[in-house]
Amino acid sequence: MTSRPPNLSDQIRQTFRLANLRHEAAKSLRGEDQVAYNKVRTAYAEQRKTEIHAYQSEYQTRVEAERRRLIDKAGQKNKSYQHRGMGADKFDGDAITRQAERNVRQDHEQTLARLDQQETEIVGGILERAAHRQEQRETPKRHFQKAVDRRSGQERRTTRSRE
């Protein structure tokens, strides 16, 4: 059911990256970018809420299904060509149940991490587009200010204050 355990440092890095992007978006986005950001944020908040509710309500069912999968996997024939008397029955019901619970929790955490990663990518894209648009709006102003600077001589080499 799961591929690899989540790395704690990666989870922390991802959480802070998402929090930083949210802070930056709240501080700098305006107009249509703010509307797009709000739609993304509410959509992912709803997905997280749905996933958490499903996890809590279906926890026992998921554990039982995972337990059945683990038992089936353990009961498969192995190709070790040993005599029947030489093998040992290593079936431990409690250990399989604990492993099933770990797998279900890990799968839930990976689903939430995947949602965070997707939200981070989308919000990052919105911020990049907003910064690009802002740069496009500011460039003509800077070019105009540079072209309009009609001071002569030594006075032109100093910067003007906006007092």
Protein backbone atom coordinates (compact mmCIF):
# COMPACT_ATOMS: atom_id res chain seq x y z
CA MET A 1 0.00 0.00 0.00
CA THR A 2 2.86 2.40 0.75
CA SER A 3 6.11 2.85 -1.07
CA ARG A 4 8.48 4.53 1.36
CA PRO A 5 8.15 6.09 4.80
CA PRO A 6 7.89 9.87 4.84
CA ASN A 7 11.07 11.66 5.80
CA LEU A 8 10.53 13.97 8.79
CA SER A 9 12.92 16.66 7.58
CA ASP A 10 11.20 16.68 4.17
CA GLN A 11 7.82 17.01 5.87
CA ILE A 12 9.03 19.93 7.98
CA ARG A 13 10.63 21.61 4.97
CA GLN A 14 7.41 21.19 2.97
CA THR A 15 5.27 22.54 5.81
CA PHE A 16 7.39 25.67 6.19
CA ARG A 17 7.56 26.17 2.41
CA LEU A 18 3.76 26.07 2.23
CA ALA A 19 3.40 28.41 5.22
CA ASN A 20 5.88 30.83 3.66
CA LEU A 21 4.03 30.81 0.34
CA ARG A 22 0.71 31.39 2.11
CA HIS A 23 2.19 34.33 4.03
CA GLU A 24 3.71 35.81 0.88
CA ALA A 25 0.44 35.35 -1.02
CA ALA A 26 -1.60 37.04 1.71
CA LYS A 27 0.85 39.92 1.76
CA SER A 28 1.43 40.54 -1.94
CA LEU A 29 -1.46 39.25 -4.06
CA ARG A 30 -4.14 41.62 -5.33
CA GLY A 31 -7.16 41.41 -7.59
CA GLU A 32 -7.62 38.34 -9.76
CA ASP A 33 -4.53 36.68 -8.29
CA GLN A 34 -6.03 36.96 -4.81
CA VAL A 35 -9.29 35.43 -6.06
CA ALA A 36 -7.40 32.52 -7.69
CA TYR A 37 -5.36 32.00 -4.52
CA ASN A 38 -8.49 31.97 -2.34
CA LYS A 39 -10.13 29.39 -4.62
CA VAL A 40 -7.05 27.13 -4.43
CA ARG A 41 -6.77 27.50 -0.69
CA THR A 42 -10.42 26.71 -0.02
CA ALA A 43 -10.39 23.77 -2.46
CA TYR A 44 -7.37 22.17 -0.78
CA ALA A 45 -8.69 22.91 2.70
CA GLU A 46 -11.89 21.09 1.71
CA GLN A 47 -9.92 18.15 0.29
CA ARG A 48 -7.88 17.92 3.51
CA LYS A 49 -11.04 18.06 5.60
CA THR A 50 -12.65 15.33 3.49
CA GLU A 51 -9.55 13.13 3.71
CA ILE A 52 -9.29 13.52 7.49
CA HIS A 53 -12.99 12.76 7.94
CA ALA A 54 -12.76 9.68 5.70
CA TYR A 55 -9.65 8.49 7.57
CA GLN A 56 -11.36 8.86 10.94
CA SER A 57 -14.64 7.28 9.89
CA GLU A 58 -13.12 4.41 7.86
CA TYR A 59 -10.08 3.70 10.02
CA GLN A 60 -11.17 0.22 11.19
CA THR A 61 -12.26 -0.79 7.70
CA ARG A 62 -8.96 0.35 6.22
CA VAL A 63 -7.01 -1.51 8.91
CA GLU A 64 -8.98 -4.70 8.28
CA ALA A 65 -8.45 -4.46 4.52
CA GLU A 66 -4.72 -3.86 5.01
CA ARG A 67 -4.57 -6.70 7.53
CA ARG A 68 -6.20 -9.04 5.00
CA ARG A 69 -3.73 -7.91 2.35
CA LEU A 70 -0.78 -8.57 4.69
CA ILE A 71 -2.11 -11.99 5.65
CA ASP A 72 -2.61 -12.89 1.99
CA LYS A 73 0.90 -11.72 1.23
CA ALA A 74 2.33 -13.76 4.12
CA GLY A 75 0.34 -16.83 3.06
CA GLN A 76 1.64 -16.90 -0.49
CA LYS A 77 3.81 -19.79 -1.51
CA ASN A 78 7.46 -19.03 -1.32
CA LYS A 79 9.94 -20.63 -3.65
CA SER A 80 12.51 -21.53 -1.00
CA TYR A 81 12.34 -25.32 -1.64
CA GLN A 82 12.71 -26.39 1.97
CA HIS A 83 11.16 -29.44 3.54
CA ARG A 84 7.92 -28.77 5.36
CA GLY A 85 9.36 -29.70 8.71
CA MET A 86 12.24 -27.26 8.37
CA GLY A 87 10.11 -24.14 8.04
CA ALA A 88 8.48 -22.43 10.95
CA ASP A 89 5.11 -20.78 11.12
CA LYS A 90 5.89 -17.12 11.78
CA PHE A 91 2.28 -15.97 11.84
CA ASP A 92 1.73 -13.40 14.59
CA GLY A 93 -1.72 -11.83 14.49
CA ASP A 94 -0.83 -8.91 16.76
CA ALA A 95 2.24 -8.03 14.71
CA ILE A 96 0.22 -8.09 11.50
CA THR A 97 -2.43 -5.86 13.07
CA ARG A 98 0.20 -3.36 14.24
CA GLN A 99 1.80 -3.35 10.79
CA ALA A 100 -1.61 -2.81 9.17
CA GLU A 101 -2.28 0.15 11.49
CA ARG A 102 1.15 1.62 10.66
CA ASN A 103 0.52 1.21 6.94
CA VAL A 104 -2.90 2.89 7.16
CA ARG A 105 -1.50 5.84 9.16
CA GLN A 106 1.44 6.16 6.79
CA ASP A 107 -0.84 6.10 3.75
CA HIS A 108 -2.99 8.84 5.32
CA GLU A 109 0.07 10.99 6.08
CA GLN A 110 1.35 10.54 2.53
CA THR A 111 -2.03 11.57 1.12
CA LEU A 112 -1.99 14.76 3.22
CA ALA A 113 1.62 15.44 2.22
CA ARG A 114 0.71 14.97 -1.44
CA LEU A 115 -2.12 17.51 -1.05
CA ASP A 116 0.31 19.97 0.57
CA GLN A 117 2.80 19.44 -2.26
CA GLN A 118 0.15 20.06 -4.91
CA GLU A 119 -1.06 23.20 -3.13
CA THR A 120 2.54 24.44 -2.84
CA GLU A 121 3.10 24.00 -6.58
CA ILE A 122 -0.12 25.78 -7.51
CA VAL A 123 0.37 28.69 -5.08
CA GLY A 124 3.99 29.03 -6.22
CA GLY A 125 2.77 29.27 -9.81
CA ILE A 126 0.22 31.93 -8.89
CA LEU A 127 2.92 33.95 -7.09
CA GLU A 128 5.31 33.65 -10.05
CA ARG A 129 2.65 34.84 -12.49
CA ALA A 130 1.74 37.72 -10.17
CA ALA A 131 5.40 38.74 -9.84
CA HIS A 132 5.83 38.57 -13.62
CA ARG A 133 2.75 40.75 -14.17
CA GLN A 134 3.95 43.20 -11.53
CA GLU A 135 7.33 43.39 -13.25
CA GLN A 136 5.64 44.06 -16.57
CA ARG A 137 3.64 46.90 -14.99
CA GLU A 138 6.72 48.42 -13.33
CA THR A 139 9.10 48.24 -16.32
CA PRO A 140 7.46 51.04 -18.36
CA LYS A 141 7.43 53.30 -15.30
CA ARG A 142 11.16 52.80 -14.74
CA HIS A 143 11.93 53.33 -18.41
CA PHE A 144 9.84 56.50 -18.45
CA GLN A 145 11.55 57.88 -15.33
CA LYS A 146 14.94 57.18 -16.89
CA ALA A 147 13.98 58.88 -20.16
CA VAL A 148 12.41 61.92 -18.49
CA ASP A 149 15.46 62.71 -16.37
CA ARG A 150 16.48 65.96 -18.13
CA ARG A 151 18.98 67.30 -15.61
CA SER A 152 22.30 68.38 -17.01
CA GLY A 153 25.93 68.06 -15.95
CA GLN A 154 26.99 66.95 -12.50
CA GLU A 155 23.44 67.22 -11.18
CA ARG A 156 22.33 64.38 -13.50
CA ARG A 157 24.80 61.92 -11.98
CA THR A 158 23.26 62.15 -8.54
CA THR A 159 20.06 60.39 -7.62
CA ARG A 160 16.96 62.44 -7.02
CA SER A 161 15.04 62.14 -3.82
CA ARG A 162 11.25 62.13 -3.86
CA GLU A 163 10.65 64.84 -1.30
